[in-house]
Amino acid sequence: MSEEIDTDEHIEETGTLPLDDWHRRKGARMVPFAGYHMPIQYEGIVAEHNWTREQAGLFDVSHMGQLLVSGEKAAEELEKLLPGAIASLKPGRTRYSLLMAEDGGILDDLMVTNATPWIEADEEAGIEGHWGEPAYYLVVNGAMKWDDIAHLREHLDDDVTLTHMDEHALLALQGPNAATALNRVMRNVIDDMIFMDSVTHDFGEWPLRITRSGYTGEDGFEISIPAEFAASLADRLCAEIEVRPIGLGARDSLRLEAGLPLYGHDITEETDPVSADLLFALTKKRREEGGWMGHEAVAKVLADGPAQKRIGLDIEGRMPAREGALVYSGAKQVGRVTSGGFSPTLERPIAMAYIDTNLAEEGTELEVEVRKKRLPAKVTSMPFVPHRYHRGN
């Protein structure tokens, strides 16, 4: 694999992101997260959560790893490591996928976009319009990006180039009015986009990649931009009446309501895609045919059935169950909470947990231990709050 990355260059100390000064000027409370100083809140987590559900919130997610895998064999090589169909992914389309370990564990979850460029025709040179060299844009979790880079570097073929886009920032504009605000700033760019579409756009001198996706369950966009222009774009977006900056605290409560797993908590190297209820990330044909790392182990879980499954829990009362809280059926411990909190939208506690598969049916009554008290809980379907992705007419 062609080498453009030195994974030894990263610094273990807490670093700063391109918008660090911008967040501080906005009054953000900064905390260490994924190796960086990041904003946990501005005016308050609940207020920011509700604003995103009702209007549009701007999140700085520049800690995420942005990678480009390019070369004629790029799709073939990625399909050795990811269980999703990459070769059939059309240019400009995005897919959720998993980076798998040999034993069937999940090394990371990620988004992969077919970013193969279209080369315009040049009549004078006698060149017709055509697709350029295959390229795939990956967004991986910030806390895992150096491990992911090392894993990809080890397993991708020498004919494939891996580029770490470490000079780019990443902003996420999320909420029911995200499209309204973005359309006002960048006219006619996103009109035809639906959920999981991705386009490139030169906004003046700012080269952008805009993907209609996000991590809140709301309609929204993730915008990759060279770091030097990030603060100007953030200012431009926040000048719109619908848009306010939102911190990590609300990002977590929003994704929990949306039933979206958080790597390192709800999914880890010790969990497999079947137990994690992520079978949709395993394309049916590839699930059956294999050819990707971890297939044999995952196929065994599929055949035998998982011992535990990730489920949602509605919890009675007002006291939230946090990560690590034990789940009981009668006197028997049957699971453990992996994410939990008080839902501002539903105004009640909710949680994700892994519990014994025979108890995972919706409506099953259980108990969760919080502060040495057993709270009644019931297995429920996820998402807790319906997704509002824009899928077209």
Protein backbone atom coordinates (compact mmCIF):
# COMPACT_ATOMS: atom_id res chain seq x y z
CA MET A 1 0.00 0.00 0.00
CA SER A 2 1.35 3.43 -0.88
CA GLU A 3 2.29 5.26 2.31
CA GLU A 4 1.31 8.87 3.04
CA ILE A 5 0.83 8.52 6.80
CA ASP A 6 3.12 8.27 9.80
CA THR A 7 1.01 6.98 12.68
CA ASP A 8 3.83 7.76 15.11
CA GLU A 9 3.33 11.49 14.54
CA HIS A 10 0.20 11.74 16.70
CA ILE A 11 0.62 13.25 20.14
CA GLU A 12 -0.70 11.52 23.25
CA GLU A 13 -1.29 14.84 25.03
CA THR A 14 -4.63 16.65 24.62
CA GLY A 15 -4.53 18.55 21.33
CA THR A 16 -6.49 21.43 19.86
CA LEU A 17 -8.78 21.37 16.83
CA PRO A 18 -9.09 24.07 14.15
CA LEU A 19 -12.13 25.65 15.85
CA ASP A 20 -10.70 25.69 19.39
CA ASP A 21 -10.52 29.49 19.61
CA TRP A 22 -13.93 29.79 17.94
CA HIS A 23 -15.54 27.59 20.60
CA ARG A 24 -13.95 29.56 23.43
CA ARG A 25 -15.14 32.86 21.96
CA LYS A 26 -18.64 31.39 21.88
CA GLY A 27 -18.41 30.62 25.62
CA ALA A 28 -18.09 26.84 25.33
CA ARG A 29 -17.10 24.72 28.30
CA MET A 30 -14.18 22.67 26.97
CA VAL A 31 -13.34 19.11 28.07
CA PRO A 32 -10.80 16.49 26.93
CA PHE A 33 -12.38 13.99 24.51
CA ALA A 34 -10.78 11.60 21.99
CA GLY A 35 -7.41 13.28 22.53
CA TYR A 36 -8.62 16.86 21.98
CA HIS A 37 -10.11 19.79 23.85
CA MET A 38 -13.75 19.82 22.74
CA PRO A 39 -16.91 21.77 23.66
CA ILE A 40 -19.29 19.83 25.91
CA GLN A 41 -21.85 22.65 26.06
CA TYR A 42 -22.47 26.34 25.44
CA GLU A 43 -25.76 27.43 27.03
CA GLY A 44 -26.75 24.03 28.45
CA ILE A 45 -27.17 20.46 27.25
CA VAL A 46 -30.98 20.28 27.42
CA ALA A 47 -31.45 23.65 25.70
CA GLU A 48 -29.01 22.67 22.95
CA HIS A 49 -30.63 19.25 22.57
CA ASN A 50 -34.09 20.77 22.16
CA TRP A 51 -32.84 23.45 19.77
CA THR A 52 -31.39 20.77 17.49
CA ARG A 53 -34.66 18.80 17.54
CA GLU A 54 -36.64 21.97 16.71
CA GLN A 55 -34.29 24.10 14.59
CA ALA A 56 -30.67 23.36 13.55
CA GLY A 57 -27.50 22.76 15.55
CA LEU A 58 -23.91 23.11 14.38
CA PHE A 59 -21.49 20.51 15.76
CA ASP A 60 -17.71 20.49 15.43
CA VAL A 61 -16.72 16.88 14.75
CA SER A 62 -13.22 17.62 13.47
CA HIS A 63 -11.79 15.04 15.88
CA MET A 64 -13.13 12.34 13.55
CA GLY A 65 -10.65 10.73 11.18
CA GLN A 66 -11.11 11.64 7.52
CA LEU A 67 -9.36 9.19 5.21
CA LEU A 68 -9.17 8.68 1.45
CA VAL A 69 -8.52 5.23 -0.02
CA SER A 70 -7.74 5.46 -3.74
CA GLY A 71 -6.53 3.27 -6.58
CA GLU A 72 -7.98 0.88 -9.14
CA LYS A 73 -8.24 -1.87 -6.51
CA ALA A 74 -9.62 0.39 -3.74
CA ALA A 75 -13.10 -1.18 -3.58
CA GLU A 76 -11.73 -4.72 -3.81
CA GLU A 77 -9.26 -4.06 -1.01
CA LEU A 78 -11.82 -2.39 1.26
CA GLU A 79 -14.17 -5.33 0.80
CA LYS A 80 -11.51 -7.54 2.42
CA LEU A 81 -11.94 -5.55 5.64
CA LEU A 82 -15.55 -4.28 5.55
CA PRO A 83 -18.65 -6.53 5.40
CA GLY A 84 -20.67 -4.10 3.27
CA ALA A 85 -20.83 -3.95 -0.53
CA ILE A 86 -18.31 -1.32 -1.57
CA ALA A 87 -17.82 -2.22 -5.24
CA SER A 88 -21.53 -1.66 -5.98
CA LEU A 89 -21.68 1.66 -4.11
CA LYS A 90 -22.45 4.31 -6.73
CA PRO A 91 -20.38 7.52 -7.00
CA GLY A 92 -21.74 10.11 -4.60
CA ARG A 93 -23.39 7.59 -2.29
CA THR A 94 -22.50 6.85 1.35
CA ARG A 95 -22.87 3.65 3.39
CA TYR A 96 -22.51 2.82 7.08
CA SER A 97 -20.04 -0.01 7.61
CA LEU A 98 -17.80 -1.75 10.13
CA LEU A 99 -14.07 -2.38 10.36
CA MET A 100 -13.85 -6.00 11.40
CA ALA A 101 -11.35 -8.10 13.39
CA GLU A 102 -10.48 -11.73 12.57
CA ASP A 103 -12.48 -13.00 15.56
CA GLY A 104 -15.65 -11.21 14.44
CA GLY A 105 -15.25 -8.26 16.80
CA ILE A 106 -15.84 -4.68 15.68
CA LEU A 107 -12.69 -2.56 15.48
CA ASP A 108 -14.68 0.56 14.59
CA ASP A 109 -17.81 1.72 12.82
CA LEU A 110 -17.49 4.20 10.00
CA MET A 111 -19.06 5.90 7.00
CA VAL A 112 -17.71 5.17 3.52
CA THR A 113 -18.49 7.28 0.46
CA ASN A 114 -17.72 6.54 -3.17
CA ALA A 115 -15.78 9.73 -3.86
CA THR A 116 -14.60 8.77 -7.37
CA PRO A 117 -14.35 12.09 -9.25
CA TRP A 118 -16.06 12.85 -12.55
CA ILE A 119 -13.62 14.25 -15.10
CA GLU A 120 -15.28 16.76 -17.39
CA ALA A 121 -14.92 16.45 -21.14
CA ASP A 122 -12.26 18.48 -22.95
CA GLU A 123 -13.38 18.85 -26.55
CA GLU A 124 -10.19 20.61 -27.66
CA ALA A 125 -8.10 17.73 -26.34
CA GLY A 126 -10.59 15.19 -27.68
CA ILE A 127 -11.28 13.80 -24.20
CA GLU A 128 -14.78 12.65 -23.30
CA GLY A 129 -16.22 12.98 -19.80
CA HIS A 130 -15.30 9.99 -17.65
CA TRP A 131 -14.88 8.74 -14.10
CA GLY A 132 -11.42 9.24 -12.62
CA GLU A 133 -9.39 6.94 -10.40
CA PRO A 134 -11.62 5.11 -7.90
CA ALA A 135 -11.55 6.78 -4.48
CA TYR A 136 -13.40 6.16 -1.22
CA TYR A 137 -13.81 8.74 1.53
CA LEU A 138 -13.98 7.24 5.04
CA VAL A 139 -15.01 8.96 8.26
CA VAL A 140 -13.88 6.99 11.32
CA ASN A 141 -14.22 7.60 15.05
CA GLY A 142 -11.78 10.09 16.53
CA ALA A 143 -10.68 7.90 19.44
CA MET A 144 -9.94 5.02 17.05
CA LYS A 145 -8.50 6.79 14.01
CA TRP A 146 -4.83 6.02 14.67
CA ASP A 147 -5.60 2.34 15.27
CA ASP A 148 -7.77 2.32 12.14
CA ILE A 149 -5.03 3.89 10.06
CA ALA A 150 -2.53 1.32 11.31
CA HIS A 151 -4.96 -1.53 10.56
CA LEU A 152 -5.67 -0.26 7.05
CA ARG A 153 -1.99 0.33 6.39
CA GLU A 154 -1.22 -3.25 7.43
CA HIS A 155 -3.91 -4.95 5.37
CA LEU A 156 -4.48 -2.86 2.23
CA ASP A 157 -2.53 -3.79 -0.88
CA ASP A 158 0.53 -1.80 -1.96
CA ASP A 159 -1.34 -0.60 -5.07
CA VAL A 160 -3.82 1.31 -2.91
CA THR A 161 -3.07 4.76 -1.48
CA LEU A 162 -4.26 5.75 1.99
CA THR A 163 -4.36 9.49 2.68
CA HIS A 164 -5.13 10.99 6.08
CA MET A 165 -6.97 14.27 5.44
CA ASP A 166 -5.59 15.75 8.64
CA GLU A 167 -5.69 19.31 7.30
CA HIS A 168 -9.49 19.18 7.05
CA ALA A 169 -12.12 20.08 9.61
CA LEU A 170 -15.56 18.46 9.78
CA LEU A 171 -18.77 20.28 10.71
CA ALA A 172 -22.21 18.71 11.18
CA LEU A 173 -25.35 20.79 10.68
CA GLN A 174 -28.30 18.85 12.14
CA GLY A 175 -31.99 19.46 12.65
CA PRO A 176 -35.31 19.94 10.80
CA ASN A 177 -34.23 23.38 9.56
CA ALA A 178 -30.68 22.38 8.59
CA ALA A 179 -31.56 22.22 4.88
CA THR A 180 -33.34 25.59 5.04
CA ALA A 181 -30.31 27.29 6.57
CA LEU A 182 -27.75 25.58 4.34
CA ASN A 183 -29.77 26.33 1.20
CA ARG A 184 -29.85 29.99 2.15
CA VAL A 185 -26.05 30.01 2.44
CA MET A 186 -25.32 27.74 -0.55
CA ARG A 187 -28.14 27.97 -3.06
CA ASN A 188 -29.02 25.04 -5.32
CA VAL A 189 -26.30 22.79 -3.92
CA ILE A 190 -28.38 20.42 -1.79
CA ASP A 191 -31.80 20.64 -3.50
CA ASP A 192 -31.65 17.15 -5.01
CA MET A 193 -29.73 15.46 -2.20
CA ILE A 194 -31.34 12.69 -0.16
CA PHE A 195 -30.10 10.80 2.91
CA MET A 196 -26.61 9.35 2.30
CA ASP A 197 -25.93 11.44 -0.82
CA SER A 198 -22.54 13.17 -0.99
CA VAL A 199 -21.37 15.97 -3.30
CA THR A 200 -18.32 18.17 -3.76
CA HIS A 201 -18.86 21.91 -4.04
CA ASP A 202 -16.57 24.92 -4.39
CA PHE A 203 -18.10 27.61 -2.21
CA GLY A 204 -16.05 30.56 -3.37
CA GLU A 205 -12.49 29.52 -2.55
CA TRP A 206 -13.64 26.88 -0.08
CA PRO A 207 -13.62 23.34 -1.53
CA LEU A 208 -16.25 21.34 0.38
CA ARG A 209 -17.56 17.80 0.55
CA ILE A 210 -21.18 17.83 1.74
CA THR A 211 -22.84 14.58 2.83
CA ARG A 212 -26.50 14.37 3.86
CA SER A 213 -26.01 12.35 7.03
CA GLY A 214 -25.36 12.78 10.74
CA TYR A 215 -25.55 11.29 14.20
CA THR A 216 -28.70 12.79 15.70
CA GLY A 217 -31.55 11.02 13.89
CA GLU A 218 -32.49 14.35 12.31
CA ASP A 219 -32.06 15.48 8.73
CA GLY A 220 -28.68 17.09 8.38
CA PHE A 221 -25.33 17.46 6.67
CA GLU A 222 -21.69 16.79 7.39
CA ILE A 223 -19.34 19.25 5.72
CA SER A 224 -15.65 18.53 5.21
CA ILE A 225 -13.62 21.70 4.68
CA PRO A 226 -9.92 22.67 4.73
CA ALA A 227 -9.17 23.66 8.33
CA GLU A 228 -8.11 27.21 7.42
CA PHE A 229 -11.67 28.02 6.29
CA ALA A 230 -13.56 26.23 9.08
CA ALA A 231 -14.09 29.20 11.42
CA SER A 232 -15.37 31.37 8.55
CA LEU A 233 -17.84 28.68 7.51
CA ALA A 234 -18.97 28.18 11.13
CA ASP A 235 -19.57 31.92 11.44
CA ARG A 236 -21.47 32.00 8.15
CA LEU A 237 -23.75 29.13 9.21
CA CYS A 238 -24.35 30.49 12.72
CA ALA A 239 -25.38 33.82 11.23
CA GLU A 240 -28.56 32.07 10.10
CA ILE A 241 -31.41 32.49 12.57
CA GLU A 242 -32.07 28.72 12.74
CA VAL A 243 -28.49 27.75 13.65
CA ARG A 244 -26.72 27.64 17.03
CA PRO A 245 -23.49 25.90 18.09
CA ILE A 246 -24.10 22.65 19.96
CA GLY A 247 -21.72 20.71 22.21
CA LEU A 248 -20.83 17.07 22.83
CA GLY A 249 -23.33 16.70 25.67
CA ALA A 250 -26.35 17.24 23.43
CA ARG A 251 -24.74 15.20 20.65
CA ASP A 252 -24.70 12.23 23.02
CA SER A 253 -28.30 12.62 24.20
CA LEU A 254 -29.50 13.10 20.62
CA ARG A 255 -27.76 9.97 19.32
CA LEU A 256 -29.07 7.95 22.30
CA GLU A 257 -32.66 8.97 21.51
CA ALA A 258 -31.97 7.99 17.89
CA GLY A 259 -30.82 4.53 19.04
CA LEU A 260 -27.38 5.00 17.45
CA PRO A 261 -24.51 3.06 19.06
CA LEU A 262 -21.38 4.80 20.32
CA TYR A 263 -18.10 3.02 19.66
CA GLY A 264 -16.24 2.11 22.84
CA HIS A 265 -19.51 1.83 24.73
CA ASP A 266 -22.34 0.12 22.80
CA ILE A 267 -19.99 -1.59 20.36
CA THR A 268 -16.39 -2.66 20.98
CA GLU A 269 -13.86 -5.18 19.78
CA GLU A 270 -15.60 -7.65 22.12
CA THR A 271 -18.98 -7.29 20.39
CA ASP A 272 -20.00 -8.79 17.04
CA PRO A 273 -22.43 -7.26 14.50
CA VAL A 274 -25.16 -9.83 15.21
CA SER A 275 -25.24 -9.19 18.96
CA ALA A 276 -24.98 -5.45 18.31
CA ASP A 277 -28.11 -5.55 16.09
CA LEU A 278 -26.11 -4.18 13.14
CA LEU A 279 -26.95 -6.83 10.57
CA PHE A 280 -28.04 -4.10 8.14
CA ALA A 281 -24.34 -3.20 7.81
CA LEU A 282 -23.63 -6.71 6.50
CA THR A 283 -24.83 -6.74 2.90
CA LYS A 284 -26.90 -9.92 2.40
CA LYS A 285 -24.84 -11.25 -0.51
CA ARG A 286 -21.53 -10.61 1.25
CA ARG A 287 -22.91 -12.04 4.49
CA GLU A 288 -23.52 -15.27 2.62
CA GLU A 289 -20.44 -15.34 0.37
CA GLY A 290 -17.88 -14.01 2.86
CA GLY A 291 -14.46 -12.88 1.72
CA TRP A 292 -14.07 -10.30 4.48
CA MET A 293 -12.13 -10.37 7.71
CA GLY A 294 -14.13 -11.93 10.55
CA HIS A 295 -16.72 -13.58 8.28
CA GLU A 296 -16.22 -17.09 9.62
CA ALA A 297 -16.69 -16.00 13.23
CA VAL A 298 -19.73 -13.85 12.41
CA ALA A 299 -21.29 -16.64 10.33
CA LYS A 300 -21.05 -18.92 13.37
CA VAL A 301 -22.93 -16.40 15.53
CA LEU A 302 -25.53 -16.06 12.80
CA ALA A 303 -25.98 -19.83 12.69
CA ASP A 304 -25.99 -20.43 16.45
CA GLY A 305 -27.68 -17.20 17.51
CA PRO A 306 -26.07 -14.59 19.79
CA ALA A 307 -25.96 -15.12 23.54
CA GLN A 308 -26.95 -11.48 24.11
CA LYS A 309 -28.44 -8.69 22.02
CA ARG A 310 -28.34 -4.90 22.12
CA ILE A 311 -31.81 -3.59 22.99
CA GLY A 312 -33.55 -0.44 24.14
CA LEU A 313 -34.97 0.04 27.63
CA ASP A 314 -37.71 2.34 28.86
CA ILE A 315 -37.16 2.95 32.58
CA GLU A 316 -39.88 4.00 35.02
CA GLY A 317 -39.48 7.14 37.10
CA ARG A 318 -37.05 10.02 36.64
CA MET A 319 -33.74 8.44 37.64
CA PRO A 320 -31.48 7.63 34.65
CA ALA A 321 -29.47 4.42 34.41
CA ARG A 322 -25.90 5.08 33.33
CA GLU A 323 -23.34 2.90 31.59
CA GLY A 324 -22.50 -0.15 33.69
CA ALA A 325 -25.85 -0.41 35.46
CA LEU A 326 -26.87 -4.06 35.87
CA VAL A 327 -30.06 -5.45 34.35
CA TYR A 328 -32.06 -8.13 36.18
CA SER A 329 -34.86 -10.57 35.48
CA GLY A 330 -36.06 -11.50 38.92
CA ALA A 331 -33.00 -12.37 40.99
CA LYS A 332 -30.85 -13.17 37.95
CA GLN A 333 -28.51 -10.66 36.36
CA VAL A 334 -29.21 -10.83 32.62
CA GLY A 335 -27.40 -7.86 31.17
CA ARG A 336 -25.69 -4.52 31.49
CA VAL A 337 -26.46 -0.97 30.36
CA THR A 338 -23.99 0.43 27.80
CA SER A 339 -25.53 3.90 27.31
CA GLY A 340 -28.20 5.63 29.31
CA GLY A 341 -29.57 8.99 30.30
CA PHE A 342 -32.63 11.18 30.67
CA SER A 343 -34.32 11.88 27.35
CA PRO A 344 -35.14 15.60 27.00
CA THR A 345 -37.54 14.84 24.14
CA LEU A 346 -39.46 12.04 25.87
CA GLU A 347 -38.95 13.43 29.39
CA ARG A 348 -38.09 10.02 30.83
CA PRO A 349 -35.01 7.83 31.29
CA ILE A 350 -33.94 5.60 28.39
CA ALA A 351 -31.01 3.25 27.93
CA MET A 352 -29.31 0.78 25.62
CA ALA A 353 -28.21 -2.53 27.09
CA TYR A 354 -27.02 -5.99 26.18
CA ILE A 355 -29.27 -8.64 27.66
CA ASP A 356 -29.76 -12.39 27.27
CA THR A 357 -31.31 -13.05 23.86
CA ASN A 358 -34.26 -15.02 25.25
CA LEU A 359 -35.38 -11.85 27.06
CA ALA A 360 -34.84 -9.42 24.16
CA GLU A 361 -38.42 -9.44 22.89
CA GLU A 362 -40.15 -6.06 22.96
CA GLY A 363 -42.31 -5.63 26.04
CA THR A 364 -40.28 -7.93 28.30
CA GLU A 365 -40.34 -6.58 31.85
CA LEU A 366 -36.99 -6.29 33.63
CA GLU A 367 -35.31 -4.25 36.36
CA VAL A 368 -32.25 -1.98 36.28
CA GLU A 369 -30.15 -1.38 39.37
CA VAL A 370 -29.48 2.33 39.96
CA ARG A 371 -27.94 3.54 43.22
CA LYS A 372 -28.73 0.20 44.87
CA LYS A 373 -32.39 0.45 43.87
CA ARG A 374 -34.15 -1.78 41.35
CA LEU A 375 -36.10 0.30 38.84
CA PRO A 376 -38.79 -1.30 36.64
CA ALA A 377 -37.79 -1.31 32.97
CA LYS A 378 -39.26 -2.65 29.77
CA VAL A 379 -37.59 -3.75 26.53
CA THR A 380 -38.56 -1.36 23.74
CA SER A 381 -37.79 -0.96 20.05
CA MET A 382 -35.29 1.61 18.85
CA PRO A 383 -35.03 4.38 17.86
CA PHE A 384 -36.64 5.87 20.94
CA VAL A 385 -37.39 9.02 18.90
CA PRO A 386 -38.25 8.41 15.21
CA HIS A 387 -35.59 9.25 12.64
CA ARG A 388 -36.38 12.15 10.33
CA TYR A 389 -33.85 11.55 7.56
CA HIS A 390 -34.68 13.10 4.19
CA ARG A 391 -35.23 10.16 1.84
CA GLY A 392 -37.03 12.03 -0.95
CA ASN A 393 -40.63 11.69 -2.07
